[in-house]
Amino acid sequence: MIAKNTGDKTRLDKWLWSVRLFKTRSLSTEACTAGKIKVDGKGAKASHAVKEGETISFRRESREHVYKVFKLIATRVSAEIAHTCYEDLSPPPPPDAKAIKRGDSAFLQLPQGRRDRGTGRPTKRQRRDIDDFLE
C-alpha cells in the first residue's frame, strides 16, 4: 500500500524492505543498527521516519548504492511498483576485477571474428595465422 500523502511516515527499515532493496526486514534492520545506512549523509536508526526527497545510501558487496525517495510505501509490493518509489542514483559498477587480473578485459574489447557455420574448429595452422593477424 502506498502512503496517501507526504504527511504519512514510514520507518526506514520497513521502507528499505518494502521497495525490495533488502530481502528481509530483519536484514534491513541489522544494516541500520550496524550504521551502514545513511540518510542525507548522516547515520540513521531503523526507526527513522523516511520523508519524500531524502537520499538514502549504503554500501553492499563493495558497491555504493544511492537512492532518492519518491513515494512512501507501507507494505511490500511488486518490483514494478517498488521501482516507481525511488530513483537509483548509484554510480556504475566498477569493471570486473577478476577479468582484469586474467587479462580477459583487453581480449573482450577486441573485435571478434566470425566463422561460417559448419566449418568446424580452426586447424593448428589456421589458429597460428589468426594469432599472427591479431598481433
Protein backbone atom coordinates (compact mmCIF):
# COMPACT_ATOMS: atom_id res chain seq x y z
CA MET A 1 0.00 0.00 0.00
CA ILE A 2 1.36 3.41 -0.92
CA ALA A 3 1.10 6.18 1.65
CA LYS A 4 -1.66 8.66 0.84
CA ASN A 5 0.16 11.95 1.39
CA THR A 6 3.58 13.32 2.32
CA GLY A 7 2.49 13.72 5.95
CA ASP A 8 2.46 9.93 6.41
CA LYS A 9 5.60 8.40 7.89
CA THR A 10 7.31 5.10 7.28
CA ARG A 11 10.16 3.54 9.24
CA LEU A 12 13.47 3.38 7.38
CA ASP A 13 13.92 -0.37 7.79
CA LYS A 14 10.36 -1.01 6.63
CA TRP A 15 10.74 1.23 3.57
CA LEU A 16 14.02 -0.43 2.54
CA TRP A 17 12.33 -3.82 2.74
CA SER A 18 9.13 -2.62 1.04
CA VAL A 19 10.91 -1.32 -2.06
CA ARG A 20 12.93 -4.55 -2.26
CA LEU A 21 16.36 -3.12 -1.52
CA PHE A 22 16.75 -5.81 1.18
CA LYS A 23 15.41 -9.34 1.02
CA THR A 24 14.02 -9.35 4.57
CA ARG A 25 13.04 -6.69 7.04
CA SER A 26 15.41 -8.13 9.62
CA LEU A 27 18.34 -7.67 7.19
CA SER A 28 17.40 -4.02 6.68
CA THR A 29 17.07 -3.55 10.46
CA GLU A 30 20.51 -5.11 11.02
CA ALA A 31 22.05 -2.82 8.40
CA CYS A 32 20.53 0.22 10.11
CA THR A 33 21.65 -0.94 13.55
CA ALA A 34 25.20 -1.52 12.27
CA GLY A 35 25.30 2.08 10.99
CA LYS A 36 25.61 1.09 7.33
CA ILE A 37 22.57 3.09 6.17
CA LYS A 38 22.96 6.84 5.74
CA VAL A 39 20.11 9.30 5.17
CA ASP A 40 21.25 12.55 3.56
CA GLY A 41 24.84 11.69 4.53
CA LYS A 42 24.12 11.03 8.23
CA GLY A 43 23.75 7.71 10.02
CA ALA A 44 20.17 6.69 10.70
CA LYS A 45 18.44 4.26 13.01
CA ALA A 46 15.88 1.73 11.83
CA SER A 47 13.10 3.82 13.39
CA HIS A 48 13.99 6.94 11.36
CA ALA A 49 10.89 8.37 9.66
CA VAL A 50 11.55 8.44 5.92
CA LYS A 51 10.36 11.52 4.03
CA GLU A 52 9.98 12.12 0.31
CA GLY A 53 13.05 13.71 -1.28
CA GLU A 54 15.57 12.19 1.14
CA THR A 55 18.67 10.43 -0.19
CA ILE A 56 19.44 7.00 1.24
CA SER A 57 22.87 5.46 0.72
CA PHE A 58 24.60 2.27 1.83
CA ARG A 59 27.48 0.06 0.80
CA ARG A 60 26.89 -3.59 -0.05
CA GLU A 61 29.19 -6.09 -1.78
CA SER A 62 31.86 -3.40 -2.28
CA ARG A 63 29.40 -1.21 -4.22
CA GLU A 64 27.92 2.12 -3.21
CA HIS A 65 24.12 2.28 -3.55
CA VAL A 66 22.36 5.66 -3.56
CA TYR A 67 18.58 6.10 -3.82
CA LYS A 68 16.29 9.13 -3.73
CA VAL A 69 12.87 8.58 -2.14
CA PHE A 70 9.89 9.50 -4.36
CA LYS A 71 7.00 7.75 -2.59
CA LEU A 72 6.45 6.20 0.80
CA ILE A 73 5.27 2.60 0.97
CA ALA A 74 3.53 0.93 3.91
CA THR A 75 3.83 -2.70 2.73
CA ARG A 76 5.94 -4.78 0.37
CA VAL A 77 4.75 -4.52 -3.23
CA SER A 78 5.70 -5.93 -6.62
CA ALA A 79 9.03 -4.97 -8.15
CA GLU A 80 7.35 -2.85 -10.85
CA ILE A 81 5.54 -0.70 -8.28
CA ALA A 82 8.54 -0.60 -5.94
CA HIS A 83 10.77 0.77 -8.72
CA THR A 84 8.49 3.80 -9.10
CA CYS A 85 9.01 4.76 -5.44
CA TYR A 86 12.69 5.66 -5.73
CA GLU A 87 15.31 6.89 -8.19
CA ASP A 88 18.57 4.97 -8.43
CA LEU A 89 21.49 7.43 -8.25
CA SER A 90 24.15 4.75 -7.73
CA PRO A 91 27.42 5.11 -9.62
CA PRO A 92 28.03 2.45 -12.28
CA PRO A 93 29.68 -0.74 -11.03
CA PRO A 94 33.46 -0.99 -11.41
CA PRO A 95 34.82 -3.37 -14.06
CA ASP A 96 35.13 -6.99 -13.03
CA ALA A 97 38.38 -7.30 -11.04
CA LYS A 98 38.82 -10.98 -11.91
CA ALA A 99 38.66 -10.27 -15.64
CA ILE A 100 41.28 -7.52 -15.31
CA LYS A 101 43.63 -9.82 -13.38
CA ARG A 102 43.33 -12.54 -16.02
CA GLY A 103 43.80 -10.06 -18.83
CA ASP A 104 40.45 -11.00 -20.34
CA SER A 105 39.19 -7.42 -20.42
CA ALA A 106 41.62 -6.48 -23.19
CA PHE A 107 40.67 -9.60 -25.11
CA LEU A 108 36.96 -8.92 -24.77
CA GLN A 109 37.36 -5.42 -26.22
CA LEU A 110 38.90 -6.71 -29.47
CA PRO A 111 36.57 -7.18 -32.41
CA GLN A 112 35.56 -10.80 -32.57
CA GLY A 113 35.84 -12.71 -35.84
CA ARG A 114 33.06 -14.94 -37.04
CA ARG A 115 33.41 -18.26 -38.79
CA ASP A 116 30.90 -19.67 -41.21
CA ARG A 117 28.54 -22.19 -39.70
CA GLY A 118 29.63 -25.77 -40.25
CA THR A 119 33.30 -25.05 -40.93
CA GLY A 120 34.34 -26.53 -37.59
CA ARG A 121 37.25 -25.56 -35.40
CA PRO A 122 40.30 -23.97 -36.97
CA THR A 123 43.30 -26.20 -37.53
CA LYS A 124 46.55 -25.55 -35.70
CA ARG A 125 47.94 -23.74 -38.73
CA GLN A 126 44.80 -21.62 -39.14
CA ARG A 127 44.92 -20.77 -35.45
CA ARG A 128 48.53 -19.58 -35.74
CA ASP A 129 47.59 -17.45 -38.75
CA ILE A 130 44.72 -15.91 -36.76
CA ASP A 131 47.03 -15.19 -33.81
CA ASP A 132 49.64 -13.59 -36.09
CA PHE A 133 46.97 -11.44 -37.72
CA LEU A 134 45.60 -10.23 -34.36
CA GLU A 135 49.06 -9.31 -33.06
